[in-house]
Amino acid sequence: MKATRRRRCEGRPSHNYCGTGLLCCRSLESSTYMRVRLASSLACAVHPGLLMTFRKSLKGFTLLEVMVALAIMASVIITVLGAVNFQLGILSSERDNTAFTLLARARMAELEQQGQIVQKSNGTLAPAHPELTWQAELFPTEIPMLQKLVVRVRRDSDKREVALERYILK
């Protein structure tokens, strides 16, 4: 829609420029105000008594829409980071349990290869794992021919422990 005649802004001096980077024009064919952007100003001027009839034609997002989108994204990111952190904790715990179990199995195999198992023994897994200690105990069972061998691998810093049990012949 092309303005054929310019009218001065209401409440302003006799020029057509209203100070917001916009020219206010009134078309002879219609009674709606048109806004023409000058000097790359993106300001929206609302004159006294004029409702925003051009809101639907403006492109872009409002500040409220952007803030809501950022809040939603922040909550999603926090949830995802929490889930990833939880899974990393589980992964670390399972890795430690697997390592403790493998070390306990190896120690149990060494004790069985020695043939003569002492009632109670303990030691450290140094030099490979100086933070870990092991303890082996023999317990009697209800069946006179069997004994229960319990091997424990423990880390003293966080009190984590894995215990393996095996029944062996006397």
C-alpha atoms as a PDB file:
ATOM      1  CA  MET A   1       0.000   0.000   0.000  1.00  0.00           C
ATOM      2  CA  LYS A   2       1.594   3.239  -1.090  1.00  0.00           C
ATOM      3  CA  ALA A   3       1.012   6.440   0.812  1.00  0.00           C
ATOM      4  CA  THR A   4      -0.119   9.218  -1.430  1.00  0.00           C
ATOM      5  CA  ARG A   5      -0.251  11.955   1.127  1.00  0.00           C
ATOM      6  CA  ARG A   6       1.650  12.373   4.378  1.00  0.00           C
ATOM      7  CA  ARG A   7       0.075  13.791   7.418  1.00  0.00           C
ATOM      8  CA  ARG A   8       2.038  15.140  10.363  1.00  0.00           C
ATOM      9  CA  CYS A   9       2.279  13.061  13.511  1.00  0.00           C
ATOM     10  CA  GLU A  10      -0.253  13.854  16.188  1.00  0.00           C
ATOM     11  CA  GLY A  11       1.220  15.902  18.988  1.00  0.00           C
ATOM     12  CA  ARG A  12       4.440  16.453  17.064  1.00  0.00           C
ATOM     13  CA  PRO A  13       5.784  19.457  15.148  1.00  0.00           C
ATOM     14  CA  SER A  14       4.898  19.810  11.496  1.00  0.00           C
ATOM     15  CA  HIS A  15       7.479  17.329  10.228  1.00  0.00           C
ATOM     16  CA  ASN A  16       6.692  13.782   9.264  1.00  0.00           C
ATOM     17  CA  TYR A  17       9.562  12.170  11.184  1.00  0.00           C
ATOM     18  CA  CYS A  18       8.475  11.268  14.735  1.00  0.00           C
ATOM     19  CA  GLY A  19      11.880  10.573  16.338  1.00  0.00           C
ATOM     20  CA  THR A  20      11.627   6.795  16.559  1.00  0.00           C
ATOM     21  CA  GLY A  21      13.095   6.071  13.158  1.00  0.00           C
ATOM     22  CA  LEU A  22       9.627   5.747  11.664  1.00  0.00           C
ATOM     23  CA  LEU A  23       7.612   7.934   9.360  1.00  0.00           C
ATOM     24  CA  CYS A  24       3.935   8.089  10.175  1.00  0.00           C
ATOM     25  CA  CYS A  25       1.760   8.151   7.086  1.00  0.00           C
ATOM     26  CA  ARG A  26      -1.942   8.054   6.514  1.00  0.00           C
ATOM     27  CA  SER A  27      -3.278   6.755   3.287  1.00  0.00           C
ATOM     28  CA  LEU A  28      -6.097   8.503   1.578  1.00  0.00           C
ATOM     29  CA  GLU A  29      -7.708   5.158   0.689  1.00  0.00           C
ATOM     30  CA  SER A  30      -7.696   3.664   4.207  1.00  0.00           C
ATOM     31  CA  SER A  31      -7.727   4.864   7.753  1.00  0.00           C
ATOM     32  CA  THR A  32      -4.869   2.686   9.001  1.00  0.00           C
ATOM     33  CA  TYR A  33      -1.454   3.978   9.893  1.00  0.00           C
ATOM     34  CA  MET A  34       1.508   2.689   7.968  1.00  0.00           C
ATOM     35  CA  ARG A  35       4.981   2.598   9.343  1.00  0.00           C
ATOM     36  CA  VAL A  36       8.037   2.993   7.174  1.00  0.00           C
ATOM     37  CA  ARG A  37      11.384   2.006   8.629  1.00  0.00           C
ATOM     38  CA  LEU A  38      14.179   4.570   8.298  1.00  0.00           C
ATOM     39  CA  ALA A  39      17.887   4.232   8.997  1.00  0.00           C
ATOM     40  CA  SER A  40      17.602   0.504   9.848  1.00  0.00           C
ATOM     41  CA  SER A  41      15.728   1.247  13.051  1.00  0.00           C
ATOM     42  CA  LEU A  42      13.764  -1.731  14.308  1.00  0.00           C
ATOM     43  CA  ALA A  43      11.741   0.226  16.854  1.00  0.00           C
ATOM     44  CA  CYS A  44       7.975  -0.063  16.918  1.00  0.00           C
ATOM     45  CA  ALA A  45       6.256   3.185  17.736  1.00  0.00           C
ATOM     46  CA  VAL A  46       2.803   3.177  19.211  1.00  0.00           C
ATOM     47  CA  HIS A  47       1.183   6.579  19.105  1.00  0.00           C
ATOM     48  CA  PRO A  48      -1.274   7.694  21.779  1.00  0.00           C
ATOM     49  CA  GLY A  49      -4.688   6.243  21.124  1.00  0.00           C
ATOM     50  CA  LEU A  50      -3.492   3.908  18.373  1.00  0.00           C
ATOM     51  CA  LEU A  51      -3.818   0.177  18.920  1.00  0.00           C
ATOM     52  CA  MET A  52      -1.156  -2.160  17.531  1.00  0.00           C
ATOM     53  CA  THR A  53      -2.979  -3.251  14.416  1.00  0.00           C
ATOM     54  CA  PHE A  54       0.223  -4.265  12.674  1.00  0.00           C
ATOM     55  CA  ARG A  55       1.350  -6.854  15.269  1.00  0.00           C
ATOM     56  CA  LYS A  56       0.353  -9.764  13.072  1.00  0.00           C
ATOM     57  CA  SER A  57       2.460  -8.544  10.186  1.00  0.00           C
ATOM     58  CA  LEU A  58       5.643  -8.105  12.260  1.00  0.00           C
ATOM     59  CA  LYS A  59       8.102 -11.007  12.008  1.00  0.00           C
ATOM     60  CA  GLY A  60      10.169 -12.370  14.895  1.00  0.00           C
ATOM     61  CA  PHE A  61       9.705 -13.469  18.472  1.00  0.00           C
ATOM     62  CA  THR A  62       8.703 -11.456  21.508  1.00  0.00           C
ATOM     63  CA  LEU A  63      10.909 -11.289  24.555  1.00  0.00           C
ATOM     64  CA  LEU A  64       8.424 -13.423  26.475  1.00  0.00           C
ATOM     65  CA  GLU A  65       8.534 -16.156  23.826  1.00  0.00           C
ATOM     66  CA  VAL A  66      12.321 -16.157  23.875  1.00  0.00           C
ATOM     67  CA  MET A  67      12.410 -16.315  27.691  1.00  0.00           C
ATOM     68  CA  VAL A  68       9.956 -19.234  27.776  1.00  0.00           C
ATOM     69  CA  ALA A  69      11.975 -21.074  25.121  1.00  0.00           C
ATOM     70  CA  LEU A  70      15.198 -20.493  27.090  1.00  0.00           C
ATOM     71  CA  ALA A  71      13.555 -21.733  30.303  1.00  0.00           C
ATOM     72  CA  ILE A  72      12.375 -24.892  28.571  1.00  0.00           C
ATOM     73  CA  MET A  73      15.789 -25.482  27.015  1.00  0.00           C
ATOM     74  CA  ALA A  74      17.539 -24.892  30.347  1.00  0.00           C
ATOM     75  CA  SER A  75      15.322 -27.418  32.122  1.00  0.00           C
ATOM     76  CA  VAL A  76      15.884 -29.993  29.365  1.00  0.00           C
ATOM     77  CA  ILE A  77      19.651 -29.463  29.457  1.00  0.00           C
ATOM     78  CA  ILE A  78      19.755 -29.747  33.253  1.00  0.00           C
ATOM     79  CA  THR A  79      17.720 -32.964  33.105  1.00  0.00           C
ATOM     80  CA  VAL A  80      19.956 -34.465  30.422  1.00  0.00           C
ATOM     81  CA  LEU A  81      23.132 -33.491  32.295  1.00  0.00           C
ATOM     82  CA  GLY A  82      21.752 -35.036  35.494  1.00  0.00           C
ATOM     83  CA  ALA A  83      20.945 -38.268  33.673  1.00  0.00           C
ATOM     84  CA  VAL A  84      24.398 -38.382  32.075  1.00  0.00           C
ATOM     85  CA  ASN A  85      26.054 -37.749  35.453  1.00  0.00           C
ATOM     86  CA  PHE A  86      23.970 -40.517  37.041  1.00  0.00           C
ATOM     87  CA  GLN A  87      24.915 -42.953  34.274  1.00  0.00           C
ATOM     88  CA  LEU A  88      28.610 -42.058  34.598  1.00  0.00           C
ATOM     89  CA  GLY A  89      28.409 -42.801  38.334  1.00  0.00           C
ATOM     90  CA  ILE A  90      26.848 -46.188  37.633  1.00  0.00           C
ATOM     91  CA  LEU A  91      29.463 -46.899  34.984  1.00  0.00           C
ATOM     92  CA  SER A  92      32.289 -46.078  37.404  1.00  0.00           C
ATOM     93  CA  SER A  93      30.762 -48.238  40.133  1.00  0.00           C
ATOM     94  CA  GLU A  94      30.303 -51.198  37.795  1.00  0.00           C
ATOM     95  CA  ARG A  95      33.847 -50.829  36.466  1.00  0.00           C
ATOM     96  CA  ASP A  96      35.185 -50.957  40.029  1.00  0.00           C
ATOM     97  CA  ASN A  97      33.006 -53.974  40.899  1.00  0.00           C
ATOM     98  CA  THR A  98      34.249 -55.795  37.812  1.00  0.00           C
ATOM     99  CA  ALA A  99      37.879 -55.043  38.636  1.00  0.00           C
ATOM    100  CA  PHE A 100      37.411 -56.139  42.272  1.00  0.00           C
ATOM    101  CA  THR A 101      35.717 -59.368  41.161  1.00  0.00           C
ATOM    102  CA  LEU A 102      38.474 -60.208  38.689  1.00  0.00           C
ATOM    103  CA  LEU A 103      41.158 -59.544  41.306  1.00  0.00           C
ATOM    104  CA  ALA A 104      39.308 -61.669  43.881  1.00  0.00           C
ATOM    105  CA  ARG A 105      38.990 -64.527  41.377  1.00  0.00           C
ATOM    106  CA  ALA A 106      42.682 -64.325  40.567  1.00  0.00           C
ATOM    107  CA  ARG A 107      43.584 -64.356  44.266  1.00  0.00           C
ATOM    108  CA  MET A 108      41.237 -67.290  44.885  1.00  0.00           C
ATOM    109  CA  ALA A 109      42.877 -69.234  42.039  1.00  0.00           C
ATOM    110  CA  GLU A 110      46.328 -68.521  43.502  1.00  0.00           C
ATOM    111  CA  LEU A 111      45.240 -69.775  46.918  1.00  0.00           C
ATOM    112  CA  GLU A 112      43.784 -72.966  45.434  1.00  0.00           C
ATOM    113  CA  GLN A 113      46.965 -73.622  43.425  1.00  0.00           C
ATOM    114  CA  GLN A 114      49.033 -73.429  46.607  1.00  0.00           C
ATOM    115  CA  GLY A 115      47.125 -76.472  47.845  1.00  0.00           C
ATOM    116  CA  GLN A 116      47.463 -75.802  51.577  1.00  0.00           C
ATOM    117  CA  ILE A 117      45.072 -72.939  52.392  1.00  0.00           C
ATOM    118  CA  VAL A 118      45.578 -71.198  55.717  1.00  0.00           C
ATOM    119  CA  GLN A 119      42.537 -70.646  57.944  1.00  0.00           C
ATOM    120  CA  LYS A 120      42.918 -66.850  57.661  1.00  0.00           C
ATOM    121  CA  SER A 121      45.249 -64.771  55.486  1.00  0.00           C
ATOM    122  CA  ASN A 122      45.404 -61.254  54.140  1.00  0.00           C
ATOM    123  CA  GLY A 123      47.608 -58.922  52.136  1.00  0.00           C
ATOM    124  CA  THR A 124      47.770 -56.128  49.625  1.00  0.00           C
ATOM    125  CA  LEU A 125      47.545 -56.225  45.848  1.00  0.00           C
ATOM    126  CA  ALA A 126      50.627 -54.007  45.412  1.00  0.00           C
ATOM    127  CA  PRO A 127      52.405 -53.044  43.177  1.00  0.00           C
ATOM    128  CA  ALA A 128      49.572 -53.154  40.582  1.00  0.00           C
ATOM    129  CA  HIS A 129      46.859 -51.966  42.993  1.00  0.00           C
ATOM    130  CA  PRO A 130      48.393 -50.619  46.216  1.00  0.00           C
ATOM    131  CA  GLU A 131      45.077 -49.118  47.377  1.00  0.00           C
ATOM    132  CA  LEU A 132      43.407 -52.566  47.474  1.00  0.00           C
ATOM    133  CA  THR A 133      43.717 -55.206  50.166  1.00  0.00           C
ATOM    134  CA  TRP A 134      42.536 -58.821  50.183  1.00  0.00           C
ATOM    135  CA  GLN A 135      41.486 -61.177  52.928  1.00  0.00           C
ATOM    136  CA  ALA A 136      40.861 -64.941  52.661  1.00  0.00           C
ATOM    137  CA  GLU A 137      39.101 -67.076  55.279  1.00  0.00           C
ATOM    138  CA  LEU A 138      38.115 -70.739  55.517  1.00  0.00           C
ATOM    139  CA  PHE A 139      34.885 -71.643  57.248  1.00  0.00           C
ATOM    140  CA  PRO A 140      33.581 -75.100  58.124  1.00  0.00           C
ATOM    141  CA  THR A 141      30.299 -76.228  56.561  1.00  0.00           C
ATOM    142  CA  GLU A 142      27.580 -78.640  57.619  1.00  0.00           C
ATOM    143  CA  ILE A 143      29.044 -81.225  55.278  1.00  0.00           C
ATOM    144  CA  PRO A 144      32.313 -82.509  56.825  1.00  0.00           C
ATOM    145  CA  MET A 145      34.085 -82.935  53.461  1.00  0.00           C
ATOM    146  CA  LEU A 146      33.571 -79.311  52.353  1.00  0.00           C
ATOM    147  CA  GLN A 147      34.958 -75.986  53.451  1.00  0.00           C
ATOM    148  CA  LYS A 148      33.816 -72.525  52.415  1.00  0.00           C
ATOM    149  CA  LEU A 149      36.560 -70.231  51.104  1.00  0.00           C
ATOM    150  CA  VAL A 150      35.691 -66.521  51.212  1.00  0.00           C
ATOM    151  CA  VAL A 151      37.980 -64.035  49.472  1.00  0.00           C
ATOM    152  CA  ARG A 152      37.335 -60.321  50.003  1.00  0.00           C
ATOM    153  CA  VAL A 153      38.902 -57.483  48.027  1.00  0.00           C
ATOM    154  CA  ARG A 154      38.514 -54.094  49.668  1.00  0.00           C
ATOM    155  CA  ARG A 155      39.423 -50.490  48.983  1.00  0.00           C
ATOM    156  CA  ASP A 156      39.874 -48.667  52.290  1.00  0.00           C
ATOM    157  CA  SER A 157      39.463 -45.131  50.919  1.00  0.00           C
ATOM    158  CA  ASP A 158      35.744 -45.538  50.199  1.00  0.00           C
ATOM    159  CA  LYS A 159      35.040 -48.820  52.050  1.00  0.00           C
ATOM    160  CA  ARG A 160      34.011 -50.658  48.862  1.00  0.00           C
ATOM    161  CA  GLU A 161      34.300 -54.402  49.024  1.00  0.00           C
ATOM    162  CA  VAL A 162      33.632 -57.481  46.895  1.00  0.00           C
ATOM    163  CA  ALA A 163      33.410 -60.908  48.512  1.00  0.00           C
ATOM    164  CA  LEU A 164      33.551 -64.209  46.596  1.00  0.00           C
ATOM    165  CA  GLU A 165      32.617 -67.553  48.121  1.00  0.00           C
ATOM    166  CA  ARG A 166      33.655 -70.979  46.896  1.00  0.00           C
ATOM    167  CA  TYR A 167      33.199 -74.427  48.336  1.00  0.00           C
ATOM    168  CA  ILE A 168      36.285 -76.638  48.213  1.00  0.00           C
ATOM    169  CA  LEU A 169      37.076 -80.187  49.306  1.00  0.00           C
ATOM    170  CA  LYS A 170      39.202 -80.709  52.403  1.00  0.00           C
END
